[in-house]
Amino acid sequence: MSDWKKRLSVVYSTNPDFEYETEEEQEPETLPAKEQKLKVSLDKKGRKGKQVSLITGFVGTSDDLKKLEKLLKTKCGVGGSSKNSEIIIQGNFVDKIKKILSDLGYYAK
């Protein structure tokens, strides 16, 4: 990322020694599978009528979210994506995803 993007909301300073400090967001630790309470639902809002299976409620690092996303996409044989603690799987695979997650030890509702 460019240096100017980090300072986008900073007011101009005439001090030549001024150092802009950014607050680093810390990712939460990944909870064990038994403690995760995931919600699996069918969604088509804002997707031009296309159905997607939406998994929400994941608590953990983005790397662990990506691993779970990849596993679900592989088991369902479709595409998808993940961000902001949500996994989107293309198509209506709600029942299959619930079974996969419960086999892995997750609480899926």
PDB file of N, CA and C in Angstrom:
ATOM      1  N   MET A   1       0.855  -1.173   0.000  1.00  0.00           N
ATOM      2  CA  MET A   1       0.000   0.000   0.000  1.00  0.00           C
ATOM      3  C   MET A   1       0.898   1.231   0.000  1.00  0.00           C
ATOM      4  N   SER A   2       0.518   2.227  -0.745  1.00  0.00           N
ATOM      5  CA  SER A   2       1.288   3.453  -0.837  1.00  0.00           C
ATOM      6  C   SER A   2       1.245   4.213   0.485  1.00  0.00           C
ATOM      7  N   ASP A   3       2.290   4.995   0.724  1.00  0.00           N
ATOM      8  CA  ASP A   3       2.398   5.753   1.959  1.00  0.00           C
ATOM      9  C   ASP A   3       1.297   6.801   2.078  1.00  0.00           C
ATOM     10  N   TRP A   4       0.902   7.422   0.984  1.00  0.00           N
ATOM     11  CA  TRP A   4      -0.102   8.483   1.055  1.00  0.00           C
ATOM     12  C   TRP A   4      -1.476   7.947   1.442  1.00  0.00           C
ATOM     13  N   LYS A   5      -1.757   6.661   1.143  1.00  0.00           N
ATOM     14  CA  LYS A   5      -3.053   6.091   1.501  1.00  0.00           C
ATOM     15  C   LYS A   5      -3.175   5.920   3.012  1.00  0.00           C
ATOM     16  N   LYS A   6      -2.065   5.685   3.683  1.00  0.00           N
ATOM     17  CA  LYS A   6      -2.077   5.552   5.138  1.00  0.00           C
ATOM     18  C   LYS A   6      -2.387   6.884   5.808  1.00  0.00           C
ATOM     19  N   ARG A   7      -2.002   7.974   5.150  1.00  0.00           N
ATOM     20  CA  ARG A   7      -2.161   9.302   5.732  1.00  0.00           C
ATOM     21  C   ARG A   7      -3.344  10.060   5.158  1.00  0.00           C
ATOM     22  N   LEU A   8      -4.291   9.393   4.574  1.00  0.00           N
ATOM     23  CA  LEU A   8      -5.372  10.046   3.862  1.00  0.00           C
ATOM     24  C   LEU A   8      -6.228  10.937   4.759  1.00  0.00           C
ATOM     25  N   SER A   9      -6.454  10.551   5.996  1.00  0.00           N
ATOM     26  CA  SER A   9      -7.318  11.342   6.872  1.00  0.00           C
ATOM     27  C   SER A   9      -6.537  12.185   7.876  1.00  0.00           C
ATOM     28  N   VAL A  10      -5.263  12.451   7.591  1.00  0.00           N
ATOM     29  CA  VAL A  10      -4.425  13.236   8.498  1.00  0.00           C
ATOM     30  C   VAL A  10      -4.457  14.700   8.090  1.00  0.00           C
ATOM     31  N   VAL A  11      -4.573  15.551   9.081  1.00  0.00           N
ATOM     32  CA  VAL A  11      -4.523  16.984   8.836  1.00  0.00           C
ATOM     33  C   VAL A  11      -3.062  17.369   8.617  1.00  0.00           C
ATOM     34  N   TYR A  12      -2.826  18.328   7.763  1.00  0.00           N
ATOM     35  CA  TYR A  12      -1.477  18.745   7.418  1.00  0.00           C
ATOM     36  C   TYR A  12      -0.708  19.224   8.643  1.00  0.00           C
ATOM     37  N   SER A  13       0.565  18.845   8.726  1.00  0.00           N
ATOM     38  CA  SER A  13       1.421  19.266   9.829  1.00  0.00           C
ATOM     39  C   SER A  13       2.665  19.942   9.260  1.00  0.00           C
ATOM     40  N   THR A  14       3.069  21.041   9.879  1.00  0.00           N
ATOM     41  CA  THR A  14       4.282  21.739   9.441  1.00  0.00           C
ATOM     42  C   THR A  14       5.519  21.229  10.157  1.00  0.00           C
ATOM     43  N   ASN A  15       5.351  20.346  11.121  1.00  0.00           N
ATOM     44  CA  ASN A  15       6.465  19.782  11.860  1.00  0.00           C
ATOM     45  C   ASN A  15       7.193  18.778  10.966  1.00  0.00           C
ATOM     46  N   PRO A  16       8.486  19.031  10.659  1.00  0.00           N
ATOM     47  CA  PRO A  16       9.209  18.116   9.775  1.00  0.00           C
ATOM     48  C   PRO A  16       9.481  16.753  10.417  1.00  0.00           C
ATOM     49  N   ASP A  17       9.401  16.670  11.745  1.00  0.00           N
ATOM     50  CA  ASP A  17       9.670  15.412  12.444  1.00  0.00           C
ATOM     51  C   ASP A  17       8.386  14.635  12.753  1.00  0.00           C
ATOM     52  N   PHE A  18       7.273  15.075  12.219  1.00  0.00           N
ATOM     53  CA  PHE A  18       6.002  14.430  12.501  1.00  0.00           C
ATOM     54  C   PHE A  18       5.972  13.035  11.892  1.00  0.00           C
ATOM     55  N   GLU A  19       5.632  12.063  12.708  1.00  0.00           N
ATOM     56  CA  GLU A  19       5.496  10.674  12.249  1.00  0.00           C
ATOM     57  C   GLU A  19       4.047  10.241  12.461  1.00  0.00           C
ATOM     58  N   TYR A  20       3.395   9.865  11.401  1.00  0.00           N
ATOM     59  CA  TYR A  20       2.020   9.400  11.492  1.00  0.00           C
ATOM     60  C   TYR A  20       2.023   7.958  11.984  1.00  0.00           C
ATOM     61  N   GLU A  21       1.243   7.679  13.019  1.00  0.00           N
ATOM     62  CA  GLU A  21       1.159   6.339  13.575  1.00  0.00           C
ATOM     63  C   GLU A  21      -0.201   5.744  13.234  1.00  0.00           C
ATOM     64  N   THR A  22      -0.181   4.546  12.710  1.00  0.00           N
ATOM     65  CA  THR A  22      -1.424   3.861  12.398  1.00  0.00           C
ATOM     66  C   THR A  22      -1.695   2.793  13.453  1.00  0.00           C
ATOM     67  N   GLU A  23      -2.965   2.586  13.717  1.00  0.00           N
ATOM     68  CA  GLU A  23      -3.349   1.529  14.642  1.00  0.00           C
ATOM     69  C   GLU A  23      -3.569   0.261  13.837  1.00  0.00           C
ATOM     70  N   GLU A  24      -2.838  -0.765  14.186  1.00  0.00           N
ATOM     71  CA  GLU A  24      -2.974  -2.042  13.499  1.00  0.00           C
ATOM     72  C   GLU A  24      -4.159  -2.799  14.088  1.00  0.00           C
ATOM     73  N   GLU A  25      -5.047  -3.250  13.220  1.00  0.00           N
ATOM     74  CA  GLU A  25      -6.174  -4.050  13.678  1.00  0.00           C
ATOM     75  C   GLU A  25      -5.689  -5.458  13.950  1.00  0.00           C
ATOM     76  N   GLN A  26      -6.044  -5.971  15.109  1.00  0.00           N
ATOM     77  CA  GLN A  26      -5.665  -7.327  15.448  1.00  0.00           C
ATOM     78  C   GLN A  26      -6.807  -8.271  15.135  1.00  0.00           C
ATOM     79  N   GLU A  27      -6.464  -9.364  14.488  1.00  0.00           N
ATOM     80  CA  GLU A  27      -7.475 -10.360  14.174  1.00  0.00           C
ATOM     81  C   GLU A  27      -7.746 -11.186  15.427  1.00  0.00           C
ATOM     82  N   PRO A  28      -8.993 -11.556  15.634  1.00  0.00           N
ATOM     83  CA  PRO A  28      -9.295 -12.392  16.801  1.00  0.00           C
ATOM     84  C   PRO A  28      -8.718 -13.794  16.620  1.00  0.00           C
ATOM     85  N   GLU A  29      -8.398 -14.443  17.731  1.00  0.00           N
ATOM     86  CA  GLU A  29      -7.925 -15.817  17.654  1.00  0.00           C
ATOM     87  C   GLU A  29      -9.067 -16.716  17.206  1.00  0.00           C
ATOM     88  N   THR A  30      -8.729 -17.761  16.484  1.00  0.00           N
ATOM     89  CA  THR A  30      -9.740 -18.679  16.000  1.00  0.00           C
ATOM     90  C   THR A  30     -10.227 -19.556  17.148  1.00  0.00           C
ATOM     91  N   LEU A  31     -11.535 -19.537  17.337  1.00  0.00           N
ATOM     92  CA  LEU A  31     -12.131 -20.396  18.359  1.00  0.00           C
ATOM     93  C   LEU A  31     -12.109 -21.843  17.888  1.00  0.00           C
ATOM     94  N   PRO A  32     -12.056 -22.800  18.821  1.00  0.00           N
ATOM     95  CA  PRO A  32     -12.150 -24.210  18.416  1.00  0.00           C
ATOM     96  C   PRO A  32     -13.496 -24.474  17.738  1.00  0.00           C
ATOM     97  N   ALA A  33     -13.542 -25.524  16.936  1.00  0.00           N
ATOM     98  CA  ALA A  33     -14.754 -25.829  16.164  1.00  0.00           C
ATOM     99  C   ALA A  33     -15.977 -26.004  17.054  1.00  0.00           C
ATOM    100  N   LYS A  34     -15.810 -26.587  18.234  1.00  0.00           N
ATOM    101  CA  LYS A  34     -16.952 -26.828  19.124  1.00  0.00           C
ATOM    102  C   LYS A  34     -17.570 -25.523  19.627  1.00  0.00           C
ATOM    103  N   GLU A  35     -16.772 -24.464  19.723  1.00  0.00           N
ATOM    104  CA  GLU A  35     -17.245 -23.188  20.246  1.00  0.00           C
ATOM    105  C   GLU A  35     -17.782 -22.251  19.162  1.00  0.00           C
ATOM    106  N   GLN A  36     -17.580 -22.592  17.914  1.00  0.00           N
ATOM    107  CA  GLN A  36     -18.067 -21.764  16.806  1.00  0.00           C
ATOM    108  C   GLN A  36     -19.567 -21.973  16.640  1.00  0.00           C
ATOM    109  N   LYS A  37     -20.312 -20.905  16.511  1.00  0.00           N
ATOM    110  CA  LYS A  37     -21.753 -20.981  16.259  1.00  0.00           C
ATOM    111  C   LYS A  37     -22.020 -20.352  14.899  1.00  0.00           C
ATOM    112  N   LEU A  38     -22.036 -21.194  13.884  1.00  0.00           N
ATOM    113  CA  LEU A  38     -22.196 -20.726  12.519  1.00  0.00           C
ATOM    114  C   LEU A  38     -23.661 -20.804  12.095  1.00  0.00           C
ATOM    115  N   LYS A  39     -24.061 -19.832  11.308  1.00  0.00           N
ATOM    116  CA  LYS A  39     -25.421 -19.805  10.780  1.00  0.00           C
ATOM    117  C   LYS A  39     -25.334 -19.989   9.265  1.00  0.00           C
ATOM    118  N   VAL A  40     -26.026 -21.001   8.762  1.00  0.00           N
ATOM    119  CA  VAL A  40     -26.026 -21.296   7.327  1.00  0.00           C
ATOM    120  C   VAL A  40     -27.395 -20.922   6.783  1.00  0.00           C
ATOM    121  N   SER A  41     -27.415 -20.080   5.758  1.00  0.00           N
ATOM    122  CA  SER A  41     -28.691 -19.642   5.196  1.00  0.00           C
ATOM    123  C   SER A  41     -28.590 -19.495   3.678  1.00  0.00           C
ATOM    124  N   LEU A  42     -29.747 -19.465   3.049  1.00  0.00           N
ATOM    125  CA  LEU A  42     -29.839 -19.256   1.610  1.00  0.00           C
ATOM    126  C   LEU A  42     -30.133 -17.781   1.381  1.00  0.00           C
ATOM    127  N   ASP A  43     -29.387 -17.163   0.485  1.00  0.00           N
ATOM    128  CA  ASP A  43     -29.531 -15.729   0.261  1.00  0.00           C
ATOM    129  C   ASP A  43     -29.511 -15.434  -1.230  1.00  0.00           C
ATOM    130  N   LYS A  44     -30.287 -14.443  -1.635  1.00  0.00           N
ATOM    131  CA  LYS A  44     -30.220 -13.983  -3.027  1.00  0.00           C
ATOM    132  C   LYS A  44     -30.413 -12.481  -3.136  1.00  0.00           C
ATOM    133  N   LYS A  45     -30.360 -11.781  -2.011  1.00  0.00           N
ATOM    134  CA  LYS A  45     -30.500 -10.322  -2.033  1.00  0.00           C
ATOM    135  C   LYS A  45     -29.246  -9.678  -2.619  1.00  0.00           C
ATOM    136  N   GLY A  46     -29.426  -8.777  -3.544  1.00  0.00           N
ATOM    137  CA  GLY A  46     -28.310  -8.044  -4.128  1.00  0.00           C
ATOM    138  C   GLY A  46     -27.410  -8.887  -5.000  1.00  0.00           C
ATOM    139  N   ARG A  47     -27.909 -10.041  -5.443  1.00  0.00           N
ATOM    140  CA  ARG A  47     -27.108 -10.927  -6.272  1.00  0.00           C
ATOM    141  C   ARG A  47     -27.800 -11.222  -7.605  1.00  0.00           C
ATOM    142  N   LYS A  48     -28.652 -10.322  -8.014  1.00  0.00           N
ATOM    143  CA  LYS A  48     -29.373 -10.429  -9.289  1.00  0.00           C
ATOM    144  C   LYS A  48     -30.158 -11.730  -9.397  1.00  0.00           C
ATOM    145  N   GLY A  49     -30.759 -12.176  -8.291  1.00  0.00           N
ATOM    146  CA  GLY A  49     -31.591 -13.362  -8.302  1.00  0.00           C
ATOM    147  C   GLY A  49     -30.851 -14.672  -8.160  1.00  0.00           C
ATOM    148  N   LYS A  50     -29.537 -14.645  -8.162  1.00  0.00           N
ATOM    149  CA  LYS A  50     -28.746 -15.869  -8.021  1.00  0.00           C
ATOM    150  C   LYS A  50     -28.764 -16.303  -6.556  1.00  0.00           C
ATOM    151  N   GLN A  51     -28.868 -17.597  -6.323  1.00  0.00           N
ATOM    152  CA  GLN A  51     -28.880 -18.125  -4.966  1.00  0.00           C
ATOM    153  C   GLN A  51     -27.456 -18.427  -4.505  1.00  0.00           C
ATOM    154  N   VAL A  52     -27.178 -18.091  -3.253  1.00  0.00           N
ATOM    155  CA  VAL A  52     -25.901 -18.445  -2.636  1.00  0.00           C
ATOM    156  C   VAL A  52     -26.180 -18.979  -1.233  1.00  0.00           C
ATOM    157  N   SER A  53     -25.319 -19.869  -0.789  1.00  0.00           N
ATOM    158  CA  SER A  53     -25.373 -20.353   0.590  1.00  0.00           C
ATOM    159  C   SER A  53     -24.428 -19.464   1.381  1.00  0.00           C
ATOM    160  N   LEU A  54     -24.947 -18.863   2.446  1.00  0.00           N
ATOM    161  CA  LEU A  54     -24.204 -17.887   3.223  1.00  0.00           C
ATOM    162  C   LEU A  54     -23.923 -18.452   4.611  1.00  0.00           C
ATOM    163  N   ILE A  55     -22.648 -18.514   4.990  1.00  0.00           N
ATOM    164  CA  ILE A  55     -22.244 -18.986   6.309  1.00  0.00           C
ATOM    165  C   ILE A  55     -21.719 -17.781   7.074  1.00  0.00           C
ATOM    166  N   THR A  56     -22.362 -17.438   8.187  1.00  0.00           N
ATOM    167  CA  THR A  56     -21.969 -16.279   8.981  1.00  0.00           C
ATOM    168  C   THR A  56     -21.641 -16.708  10.401  1.00  0.00           C
ATOM    169  N   GLY A  57     -20.967 -15.819  11.122  1.00  0.00           N
ATOM    170  CA  GLY A  57     -20.682 -16.051  12.533  1.00  0.00           C
ATOM    171  C   GLY A  57     -19.332 -16.653  12.819  1.00  0.00           C
ATOM    172  N   PHE A  58     -18.448 -16.762  11.835  1.00  0.00           N
ATOM    173  CA  PHE A  58     -17.126 -17.343  12.065  1.00  0.00           C
ATOM    174  C   PHE A  58     -16.273 -16.376  12.877  1.00  0.00           C
ATOM    175  N   VAL A  59     -15.648 -16.877  13.928  1.00  0.00           N
ATOM    176  CA  VAL A  59     -14.762 -16.065  14.761  1.00  0.00           C
ATOM    177  C   VAL A  59     -13.359 -16.629  14.613  1.00  0.00           C
ATOM    178  N   GLY A  60     -12.461 -15.840  14.021  1.00  0.00           N
ATOM    179  CA  GLY A  60     -11.096 -16.310  13.842  1.00  0.00           C
ATOM    180  C   GLY A  60     -10.332 -15.489  12.835  1.00  0.00           C
ATOM    181  N   THR A  61      -9.145 -15.973  12.507  1.00  0.00           N
ATOM    182  CA  THR A  61      -8.268 -15.264  11.586  1.00  0.00           C
ATOM    183  C   THR A  61      -8.753 -15.438  10.147  1.00  0.00           C
ATOM    184  N   SER A  62      -8.311 -14.550   9.292  1.00  0.00           N
ATOM    185  CA  SER A  62      -8.726 -14.622   7.888  1.00  0.00           C
ATOM    186  C   SER A  62      -8.131 -15.858   7.210  1.00  0.00           C
ATOM    187  N   ASP A  63      -6.954 -16.309   7.666  1.00  0.00           N
ATOM    188  CA  ASP A  63      -6.357 -17.521   7.092  1.00  0.00           C
ATOM    189  C   ASP A  63      -7.220 -18.747   7.380  1.00  0.00           C
ATOM    190  N   ASP A  64      -7.704 -18.866   8.611  1.00  0.00           N
ATOM    191  CA  ASP A  64      -8.565 -19.993   8.957  1.00  0.00           C
ATOM    192  C   ASP A  64      -9.903 -19.913   8.232  1.00  0.00           C
ATOM    193  N   LEU A  65     -10.400 -18.695   8.020  1.00  0.00           N
ATOM    194  CA  LEU A  65     -11.631 -18.503   7.263  1.00  0.00           C
ATOM    195  C   LEU A  65     -11.435 -18.977   5.823  1.00  0.00           C
ATOM    196  N   LYS A  66     -10.292 -18.637   5.227  1.00  0.00           N
ATOM    197  CA  LYS A  66      -9.984 -19.054   3.854  1.00  0.00           C
ATOM    198  C   LYS A  66      -9.863 -20.576   3.754  1.00  0.00           C
ATOM    199  N   LYS A  67      -9.270 -21.201   4.777  1.00  0.00           N
ATOM    200  CA  LYS A  67      -9.137 -22.664   4.761  1.00  0.00           C
ATOM    201  C   LYS A  67     -10.505 -23.333   4.785  1.00  0.00           C
ATOM    202  N   LEU A  68     -11.391 -22.828   5.644  1.00  0.00           N
ATOM    203  CA  LEU A  68     -12.734 -23.391   5.725  1.00  0.00           C
ATOM    204  C   LEU A  68     -13.495 -23.140   4.426  1.00  0.00           C
ATOM    205  N   GLU A  69     -13.331 -21.958   3.857  1.00  0.00           N
ATOM    206  CA  GLU A  69     -13.978 -21.641   2.573  1.00  0.00           C
ATOM    207  C   GLU A  69     -13.520 -22.605   1.488  1.00  0.00           C
ATOM    208  N   LYS A  70     -12.218 -22.828   1.405  1.00  0.00           N
ATOM    209  CA  LYS A  70     -11.677 -23.711   0.371  1.00  0.00           C
ATOM    210  C   LYS A  70     -12.194 -25.128   0.540  1.00  0.00           C
ATOM    211  N   LEU A  71     -12.270 -25.600   1.785  1.00  0.00           N
ATOM    212  CA  LEU A  71     -12.781 -26.941   2.042  1.00  0.00           C
ATOM    213  C   LEU A  71     -14.238 -27.070   1.592  1.00  0.00           C
ATOM    214  N   LEU A  72     -15.064 -26.078   1.932  1.00  0.00           N
ATOM    215  CA  LEU A  72     -16.479 -26.121   1.553  1.00  0.00           C
ATOM    216  C   LEU A  72     -16.655 -26.041   0.040  1.00  0.00           C
ATOM    217  N   LYS A  73     -15.875 -25.187  -0.625  1.00  0.00           N
ATOM    218  CA  LYS A  73     -15.966 -25.072  -2.084  1.00  0.00           C
ATOM    219  C   LYS A  73     -15.576 -26.388  -2.742  1.00  0.00           C
ATOM    220  N   THR A  74     -14.548 -27.052  -2.209  1.00  0.00           N
ATOM    221  CA  THR A  74     -14.096 -28.324  -2.773  1.00  0.00           C
ATOM    222  C   THR A  74     -15.151 -29.408  -2.588  1.00  0.00           C
ATOM    223  N   LYS A  75     -15.717 -29.495  -1.380  1.00  0.00           N
ATOM    224  CA  LYS A  75     -16.724 -30.529  -1.091  1.00  0.00           C
ATOM    225  C   LYS A  75     -17.997 -30.323  -1.912  1.00  0.00           C
ATOM    226  N   CYS A  76     -18.363 -29.055  -2.159  1.00  0.00           N
ATOM    227  CA  CYS A  76     -19.577 -28.770  -2.926  1.00  0.00           C
ATOM    228  C   CYS A  76     -19.309 -28.716  -4.430  1.00  0.00           C
ATOM    229  N   GLY A  77     -18.063 -28.560  -4.826  1.00  0.00           N
ATOM    230  CA  GLY A  77     -17.714 -28.520  -6.248  1.00  0.00           C
ATOM    231  C   GLY A  77     -18.149 -27.252  -6.943  1.00  0.00           C
ATOM    232  N   VAL A  78     -18.167 -26.135  -6.207  1.00  0.00           N
ATOM    233  CA  VAL A  78     -18.596 -24.858  -6.783  1.00  0.00           C
ATOM    234  C   VAL A  78     -17.629 -23.757  -6.354  1.00  0.00           C
ATOM    235  N   GLY A  79     -17.886 -22.549  -6.806  1.00  0.00           N
ATOM    236  CA  GLY A  79     -17.078 -21.393  -6.437  1.00  0.00           C
ATOM    237  C   GLY A  79     -17.643 -20.691  -5.227  1.00  0.00           C
ATOM    238  N   GLY A  80     -16.927 -19.683  -4.800  1.00  0.00           N
ATOM    239  CA  GLY A  80     -17.379 -18.892  -3.667  1.00  0.00           C
ATOM    240  C   GLY A  80     -16.296 -17.931  -3.224  1.00  0.00           C
ATOM    241  N   SER A  81     -16.553 -17.266  -2.101  1.00  0.00           N
ATOM    242  CA  SER A  81     -15.586 -16.312  -1.575  1.00  0.00           C
ATOM    243  C   SER A  81     -15.804 -16.160  -0.078  1.00  0.00           C
ATOM    244  N   SER A  82     -14.883 -15.427   0.559  1.00  0.00           N
ATOM    245  CA  SER A  82     -15.034 -15.177   1.988  1.00  0.00           C
ATOM    246  C   SER A  82     -14.435 -13.829   2.336  1.00  0.00           C
ATOM    247  N   LYS A  83     -15.094 -13.127   3.258  1.00  0.00           N
ATOM    248  CA  LYS A  83     -14.577 -11.884   3.817  1.00  0.00           C
ATOM    249  C   LYS A  83     -15.479 -11.466   4.965  1.00  0.00           C
ATOM    250  N   ASN A  84     -14.948 -10.688   5.876  1.00  0.00           N
ATOM    251  CA  ASN A  84     -15.705 -10.166   7.015  1.00  0.00           C
ATOM    252  C   ASN A  84     -16.442 -11.256   7.789  1.00  0.00           C
ATOM    253  N   SER A  85     -15.785 -12.350   8.067  1.00  0.00           N
ATOM    254  CA  SER A  85     -16.363 -13.472   8.831  1.00  0.00           C
ATOM    255  C   SER A  85     -17.549 -14.127   8.147  1.00  0.00           C
ATOM    256  N   GLU A  86     -17.655 -13.996   6.834  1.00  0.00           N
ATOM    257  CA  GLU A  86     -18.717 -14.627   6.056  1.00  0.00           C
ATOM    258  C   GLU A  86     -18.115 -15.456   4.935  1.00  0.00           C
ATOM    259  N   ILE A  87     -18.749 -16.578   4.663  1.00  0.00           N
ATOM    260  CA  ILE A  87     -18.353 -17.415   3.534  1.00  0.00           C
ATOM    261  C   ILE A  87     -19.552 -17.489   2.596  1.00  0.00           C
ATOM    262  N   ILE A  88     -19.309 -17.248   1.319  1.00  0.00           N
ATOM    263  CA  ILE A  88     -20.359 -17.303   0.307  1.00  0.00           C
ATOM    264  C   ILE A  88     -20.040 -18.472  -0.629  1.00  0.00           C
ATOM    265  N   ILE A  89     -20.972 -19.411  -0.723  1.00  0.00           N
ATOM    266  CA  ILE A  89     -20.838 -20.556  -1.620  1.00  0.00           C
ATOM    267  C   ILE A  89     -21.932 -20.433  -2.672  1.00  0.00           C
ATOM    268  N   GLN A  90     -21.548 -20.495  -3.946  1.00  0.00           N
ATOM    269  CA  GLN A  90     -22.508 -20.325  -5.030  1.00  0.00           C
ATOM    270  C   GLN A  90     -23.461 -21.507  -5.094  1.00  0.00           C
ATOM    271  N   GLY A  91     -24.754 -21.220  -5.141  1.00  0.00           N
ATOM    272  CA  GLY A  91     -25.772 -22.263  -5.264  1.00  0.00           C
ATOM    273  C   GLY A  91     -26.430 -22.598  -3.934  1.00  0.00           C
ATOM    274  N   ASN A  92     -27.443 -23.453  -4.006  1.00  0.00           N
ATOM    275  CA  ASN A  92     -28.199 -23.856  -2.825  1.00  0.00           C
ATOM    276  C   ASN A  92     -27.623 -25.154  -2.270  1.00  0.00           C
ATOM    277  N   PHE A  93     -26.680 -25.035  -1.322  1.00  0.00           N
ATOM    278  CA  PHE A  93     -26.041 -26.186  -0.703  1.00  0.00           C
ATOM    279  C   PHE A  93     -26.192 -26.139   0.818  1.00  0.00           C
ATOM    280  N   VAL A  94     -27.281 -25.553   1.312  1.00  0.00           N
ATOM    281  CA  VAL A  94     -27.462 -25.340   2.741  1.00  0.00           C
ATOM    282  C   VAL A  94     -27.395 -26.654   3.519  1.00  0.00           C
ATOM    283  N   ASP A  95     -28.149 -27.662   3.099  1.00  0.00           N
ATOM    284  CA  ASP A  95     -28.170 -28.934   3.819  1.00  0.00           C
ATOM    285  C   ASP A  95     -26.813 -29.634   3.775  1.00  0.00           C
ATOM    286  N   LYS A  96     -26.183 -29.623   2.621  1.00  0.00           N
ATOM    287  CA  LYS A  96     -24.875 -30.265   2.469  1.00  0.00           C
ATOM    288  C   LYS A  96     -23.824 -29.564   3.336  1.00  0.00           C
ATOM    289  N   ILE A  97     -23.852 -28.241   3.372  1.00  0.00           N
ATOM    290  CA  ILE A  97     -22.891 -27.475   4.171  1.00  0.00           C
ATOM    291  C   ILE A  97     -23.110 -27.726   5.654  1.00  0.00           C
ATOM    292  N   LYS A  98     -24.372 -27.782   6.081  1.00  0.00           N
ATOM    293  CA  LYS A  98     -24.657 -28.080   7.493  1.00  0.00           C
ATOM    294  C   LYS A  98     -24.087 -29.436   7.886  1.00  0.00           C
ATOM    295  N   LYS A  99     -24.240 -30.428   7.014  1.00  0.00           N
ATOM    296  CA  LYS A  99     -23.719 -31.765   7.301  1.00  0.00           C
ATOM    297  C   LYS A  99     -22.194 -31.752   7.351  1.00  0.00           C
ATOM    298  N   ILE A 100     -21.554 -31.083   6.411  1.00  0.00           N
ATOM    299  CA  ILE A 100     -20.086 -31.003   6.387  1.00  0.00           C
ATOM    300  C   ILE A 100     -19.572 -30.328   7.653  1.00  0.00           C
ATOM    301  N   LEU A 101     -20.190 -29.211   8.025  1.00  0.00           N
ATOM    302  CA  LEU A 101     -19.745 -28.478   9.212  1.00  0.00           C
ATOM    303  C   LEU A 101     -19.951 -29.291  10.485  1.00  0.00           C
ATOM    304  N   SER A 102     -21.087 -29.985  10.589  1.00  0.00           N
ATOM    305  CA  SER A 102     -21.320 -30.788  11.794  1.00  0.00           C
ATOM    306  C   SER A 102     -20.348 -31.976  11.853  1.00  0.00           C
ATOM    307  N   ASP A 103     -19.975 -32.538  10.696  1.00  0.00           N
ATOM    308  CA  ASP A 103     -18.973 -33.608  10.670  1.00  0.00           C
ATOM    309  C   ASP A 103     -17.611 -33.100  11.130  1.00  0.00           C
ATOM    310  N   LEU A 104     -17.320 -31.819  10.862  1.00  0.00           N
ATOM    311  CA  LEU A 104     -16.047 -31.216  11.280  1.00  0.00           C
ATOM    312  C   LEU A 104     -16.062 -30.776  12.741  1.00  0.00           C
ATOM    313  N   GLY A 105     -17.222 -30.827  13.382  1.00  0.00           N
ATOM    314  CA  GLY A 105     -17.314 -30.462  14.792  1.00  0.00           C
ATOM    315  C   GLY A 105     -17.870 -29.078  15.046  1.00  0.00           C
ATOM    316  N   TYR A 106     -18.291 -28.377  14.010  1.00  0.00           N
ATOM    317  CA  TYR A 106     -18.858 -27.036  14.164  1.00  0.00           C
ATOM    318  C   TYR A 106     -20.329 -27.145  14.549  1.00  0.00           C
ATOM    319  N   TYR A 107     -20.826 -26.153  15.263  1.00  0.00           N
ATOM    320  CA  TYR A 107     -22.258 -26.041  15.537  1.00  0.00           C
ATOM    321  C   TYR A 107     -22.836 -25.203  14.413  1.00  0.00           C
ATOM    322  N   ALA A 108     -23.612 -25.835  13.539  1.00  0.00           N
ATOM    323  CA  ALA A 108     -24.187 -25.127  12.393  1.00  0.00           C
ATOM    324  C   ALA A 108     -25.687 -25.150  12.485  1.00  0.00           C
ATOM    325  N   LYS A 109     -26.284 -23.969  12.441  1.00  0.00           N
ATOM    326  CA  LYS A 109     -27.737 -23.820  12.542  1.00  0.00           C
ATOM    327  C   LYS A 109     -28.297 -23.340  11.235  1.00  0.00           C
TER     328      LYS A 109
END
